[in-house]
Amino acid sequence: MTYEPLEPGEIVRSRAGRDRGRAFVILKLIDEDYVLLVDGRLRTLERPKKKKRRHLLKASETRMELTGHLVNADFRKFLSAEGFPNDRTE
């Protein structure tokens, strides 16, 4: 099945599941159906979320550079600066 092209570092929103509406950064493309997502708060680098691509919607054209040593705070700051604070408690 063909999906909207996604790349690591892009901001996406979840369209399904209990995390619906939350913004994430794509950490890694696993295969043609799945990706790993982080937000630095609930889904950290140590525990990324595996999610189907069909349950995601591209939220911004801005991409985060995933080079160098990254920590969870980098993802929180990036999402907040782009207008996706994810302060909602789950």
N, C-alpha and C. Protein backbone atom coordinates (compact mmCIF):
# COMPACT_ATOMS: atom_id res chain seq x y z
N MET A 1 0.84 -1.18 0.00
CA MET A 1 0.00 0.00 0.00
C MET A 1 0.89 1.24 0.00
N THR A 2 0.51 2.26 -0.73
CA THR A 2 1.32 3.47 -0.78
C THR A 2 0.77 4.49 0.20
N TYR A 3 1.67 5.14 0.90
CA TYR A 3 1.33 6.15 1.89
C TYR A 3 1.97 7.47 1.51
N GLU A 4 1.54 8.51 2.21
CA GLU A 4 2.18 9.81 2.06
C GLU A 4 3.66 9.64 2.42
N PRO A 5 4.58 10.16 1.62
CA PRO A 5 6.00 9.97 1.93
C PRO A 5 6.38 10.64 3.25
N LEU A 6 7.02 9.89 4.11
CA LEU A 6 7.47 10.39 5.41
C LEU A 6 8.98 10.18 5.51
N GLU A 7 9.63 11.08 6.23
CA GLU A 7 11.08 11.00 6.41
C GLU A 7 11.42 11.18 7.88
N PRO A 8 12.53 10.60 8.34
CA PRO A 8 12.95 10.82 9.72
C PRO A 8 13.15 12.31 9.99
N GLY A 9 12.69 12.74 11.16
CA GLY A 9 12.81 14.14 11.55
C GLY A 9 11.56 14.96 11.31
N GLU A 10 10.58 14.42 10.56
CA GLU A 10 9.34 15.15 10.28
C GLU A 10 8.39 15.08 11.47
N ILE A 11 7.56 16.11 11.59
CA ILE A 11 6.54 16.15 12.64
C ILE A 11 5.26 15.55 12.08
N VAL A 12 4.68 14.61 12.84
CA VAL A 12 3.42 13.98 12.46
C VAL A 12 2.47 14.02 13.65
N ARG A 13 1.19 13.90 13.34
CA ARG A 13 0.15 13.78 14.37
C ARG A 13 -0.47 12.39 14.26
N SER A 14 -0.80 11.83 15.41
CA SER A 14 -1.46 10.54 15.45
C SER A 14 -2.94 10.71 15.12
N ARG A 15 -3.45 9.88 14.21
CA ARG A 15 -4.86 9.95 13.83
C ARG A 15 -5.69 8.88 14.52
N ALA A 16 -5.05 7.91 15.17
CA ALA A 16 -5.78 6.81 15.79
C ALA A 16 -5.06 6.32 17.03
N GLY A 17 -5.82 5.71 17.92
CA GLY A 17 -5.25 5.17 19.15
C GLY A 17 -5.41 6.12 20.31
N ARG A 18 -4.95 5.69 21.47
CA ARG A 18 -5.11 6.52 22.65
C ARG A 18 -4.24 7.78 22.62
N ASP A 19 -3.27 7.80 21.73
CA ASP A 19 -2.41 8.98 21.58
C ASP A 19 -2.91 9.90 20.47
N ARG A 20 -4.16 9.71 20.03
CA ARG A 20 -4.74 10.52 18.95
C ARG A 20 -4.59 12.01 19.23
N GLY A 21 -4.11 12.74 18.22
CA GLY A 21 -3.95 14.18 18.34
C GLY A 21 -2.57 14.62 18.81
N ARG A 22 -1.79 13.72 19.38
CA ARG A 22 -0.45 14.07 19.86
C ARG A 22 0.51 14.22 18.69
N ALA A 23 1.46 15.11 18.87
CA ALA A 23 2.50 15.33 17.86
C ALA A 23 3.74 14.53 18.22
N PHE A 24 4.39 13.99 17.22
CA PHE A 24 5.60 13.21 17.38
C PHE A 24 6.60 13.58 16.30
N VAL A 25 7.85 13.23 16.53
CA VAL A 25 8.90 13.34 15.51
C VAL A 25 9.23 11.92 15.07
N ILE A 26 9.32 11.71 13.77
CA ILE A 26 9.68 10.38 13.26
C ILE A 26 11.16 10.15 13.54
N LEU A 27 11.44 9.12 14.29
CA LEU A 27 12.82 8.77 14.63
C LEU A 27 13.42 7.87 13.55
N LYS A 28 12.63 6.89 13.09
CA LYS A 28 13.17 5.91 12.14
C LYS A 28 12.03 5.27 11.36
N LEU A 29 12.28 4.99 10.10
CA LEU A 29 11.34 4.22 9.28
C LEU A 29 11.73 2.75 9.42
N ILE A 30 10.82 1.93 9.94
CA ILE A 30 11.12 0.51 10.15
C ILE A 30 10.98 -0.25 8.83
N ASP A 31 9.82 -0.13 8.20
CA ASP A 31 9.58 -0.74 6.90
C ASP A 31 8.52 0.10 6.20
N GLU A 32 7.88 -0.45 5.19
CA GLU A 32 6.90 0.35 4.45
C GLU A 32 5.63 0.60 5.24
N ASP A 33 5.40 -0.13 6.32
CA ASP A 33 4.17 0.03 7.11
C ASP A 33 4.36 0.68 8.47
N TYR A 34 5.54 0.61 9.06
CA TYR A 34 5.75 1.06 10.43
C TYR A 34 6.87 2.09 10.56
N VAL A 35 6.72 2.96 11.58
CA VAL A 35 7.76 3.94 11.93
C VAL A 35 7.93 3.95 13.44
N LEU A 36 9.05 4.49 13.90
CA LEU A 36 9.28 4.73 15.32
C LEU A 36 9.13 6.22 15.59
N LEU A 37 8.37 6.57 16.64
CA LEU A 37 8.07 7.96 16.96
C LEU A 37 8.55 8.31 18.36
N VAL A 38 8.98 9.56 18.54
CA VAL A 38 9.34 10.08 19.86
C VAL A 38 8.76 11.48 20.02
N ASP A 39 8.50 11.85 21.27
CA ASP A 39 8.09 13.23 21.56
C ASP A 39 8.90 13.82 22.71
N GLY A 40 9.76 13.01 23.34
CA GLY A 40 10.61 13.50 24.41
C GLY A 40 9.92 13.56 25.76
N ARG A 41 8.63 13.30 25.80
CA ARG A 41 7.88 13.36 27.06
C ARG A 41 7.33 11.98 27.40
N LEU A 42 6.27 11.56 26.73
CA LEU A 42 5.71 10.22 26.96
C LEU A 42 6.49 9.16 26.20
N ARG A 43 6.85 9.48 24.99
CA ARG A 43 7.62 8.56 24.16
C ARG A 43 9.03 9.10 24.02
N THR A 44 9.93 8.50 24.78
CA THR A 44 11.30 8.97 24.86
C THR A 44 12.19 8.18 23.89
N LEU A 45 13.43 8.59 23.80
CA LEU A 45 14.39 7.86 22.96
C LEU A 45 14.59 6.44 23.46
N GLU A 46 14.43 6.24 24.75
CA GLU A 46 14.60 4.91 25.34
C GLU A 46 13.39 4.02 25.09
N ARG A 47 12.23 4.63 24.85
CA ARG A 47 10.98 3.90 24.63
C ARG A 47 10.19 4.51 23.48
N PRO A 48 10.67 4.43 22.25
CA PRO A 48 9.93 5.02 21.14
C PRO A 48 8.65 4.25 20.85
N LYS A 49 7.70 4.91 20.22
CA LYS A 49 6.41 4.31 19.87
C LYS A 49 6.48 3.74 18.46
N LYS A 50 6.13 2.47 18.32
CA LYS A 50 6.02 1.86 16.99
C LYS A 50 4.58 2.07 16.54
N LYS A 51 4.40 2.67 15.37
CA LYS A 51 3.06 3.00 14.90
C LYS A 51 2.96 2.77 13.40
N LYS A 52 1.77 2.37 12.97
CA LYS A 52 1.54 2.19 11.54
C LYS A 52 1.48 3.55 10.85
N ARG A 53 2.04 3.61 9.66
CA ARG A 53 2.06 4.86 8.89
C ARG A 53 0.66 5.35 8.54
N ARG A 54 -0.27 4.44 8.35
CA ARG A 54 -1.62 4.86 7.97
C ARG A 54 -2.34 5.57 9.11
N HIS A 55 -1.82 5.48 10.32
CA HIS A 55 -2.41 6.16 11.46
C HIS A 55 -1.76 7.51 11.73
N LEU A 56 -0.96 8.00 10.79
CA LEU A 56 -0.24 9.26 10.97
C LEU A 56 -0.62 10.26 9.90
N LEU A 57 -0.55 11.52 10.30
CA LEU A 57 -0.83 12.63 9.39
C LEU A 57 0.31 13.63 9.52
N LYS A 58 0.93 13.99 8.40
CA LYS A 58 2.03 14.95 8.43
C LYS A 58 1.49 16.28 8.95
N ALA A 59 2.15 16.83 9.98
CA ALA A 59 1.65 18.04 10.65
C ALA A 59 2.41 19.29 10.24
N SER A 60 3.60 19.13 9.70
CA SER A 60 4.41 20.29 9.37
C SER A 60 5.42 19.90 8.30
N GLU A 61 5.84 20.88 7.53
CA GLU A 61 6.89 20.63 6.53
C GLU A 61 8.28 20.76 7.14
N THR A 62 8.37 21.26 8.35
CA THR A 62 9.64 21.44 9.03
C THR A 62 10.20 20.09 9.46
N ARG A 63 11.51 19.94 9.32
CA ARG A 63 12.18 18.70 9.74
C ARG A 63 13.25 19.00 10.76
N MET A 64 13.39 18.09 11.71
CA MET A 64 14.43 18.18 12.73
C MET A 64 15.65 17.40 12.24
N GLU A 65 16.83 17.99 12.42
CA GLU A 65 18.06 17.29 12.07
C GLU A 65 18.33 16.23 13.13
N LEU A 66 18.44 14.97 12.72
CA LEU A 66 18.65 13.88 13.65
C LEU A 66 20.12 13.44 13.66
N THR A 67 21.01 14.41 13.71
CA THR A 67 22.44 14.10 13.74
C THR A 67 23.02 14.52 15.07
N GLY A 68 24.13 13.94 15.41
CA GLY A 68 24.79 14.28 16.67
C GLY A 68 24.12 13.60 17.84
N HIS A 69 24.49 14.02 19.03
CA HIS A 69 23.95 13.44 20.27
C HIS A 69 22.66 14.16 20.63
N LEU A 70 21.55 13.45 20.54
CA LEU A 70 20.25 14.03 20.86
C LEU A 70 19.75 13.48 22.19
N VAL A 71 19.05 14.32 22.93
CA VAL A 71 18.42 13.91 24.18
C VAL A 71 16.93 14.24 24.08
N ASN A 72 16.15 13.72 25.01
CA ASN A 72 14.70 13.91 24.97
C ASN A 72 14.31 15.38 25.00
N ALA A 73 15.06 16.19 25.70
CA ALA A 73 14.76 17.62 25.78
C ALA A 73 14.84 18.28 24.40
N ASP A 74 15.70 17.80 23.53
CA ASP A 74 15.79 18.35 22.17
C ASP A 74 14.48 18.16 21.41
N PHE A 75 13.85 17.00 21.58
CA PHE A 75 12.58 16.74 20.90
C PHE A 75 11.47 17.59 21.50
N ARG A 76 11.44 17.74 22.83
CA ARG A 76 10.42 18.58 23.48
C ARG A 76 10.55 20.03 23.02
N LYS A 77 11.78 20.54 22.98
CA LYS A 77 12.01 21.93 22.57
C LYS A 77 11.64 22.14 21.11
N PHE A 78 11.99 21.20 20.25
CA PHE A 78 11.68 21.32 18.83
C PHE A 78 10.17 21.33 18.60
N LEU A 79 9.46 20.40 19.22
CA LEU A 79 8.00 20.35 19.05
C LEU A 79 7.34 21.60 19.61
N SER A 80 7.81 22.07 20.74
CA SER A 80 7.23 23.27 21.34
C SER A 80 7.49 24.50 20.47
N ALA A 81 8.69 24.62 19.93
CA ALA A 81 9.03 25.75 19.07
C ALA A 81 8.21 25.75 17.79
N GLU A 82 7.79 24.58 17.33
CA GLU A 82 6.99 24.47 16.11
C GLU A 82 5.49 24.59 16.39
N GLY A 83 5.12 24.78 17.66
CA GLY A 83 3.71 24.97 18.00
C GLY A 83 2.98 23.70 18.42
N PHE A 84 3.72 22.68 18.81
CA PHE A 84 3.13 21.41 19.25
C PHE A 84 3.66 21.06 20.65
N PRO A 85 3.16 21.74 21.71
CA PRO A 85 3.75 21.56 23.03
C PRO A 85 3.49 20.21 23.70
N ASN A 86 2.40 19.48 23.37
CA ASN A 86 2.09 18.18 23.99
C ASN A 86 2.06 18.25 25.51
N ASP A 87 1.49 19.33 26.06
CA ASP A 87 1.41 19.45 27.51
C ASP A 87 0.25 18.66 28.10
N ARG A 88 -0.62 18.15 27.26
CA ARG A 88 -1.77 17.41 27.71
C ARG A 88 -1.33 16.14 28.45
N THR A 89 -1.93 15.87 29.59
CA THR A 89 -1.59 14.64 30.32
C THR A 89 -2.44 13.51 29.78
N GLU A 90 -1.84 12.34 29.71
CA GLU A 90 -2.54 11.18 29.16
C GLU A 90 -2.98 10.27 30.27
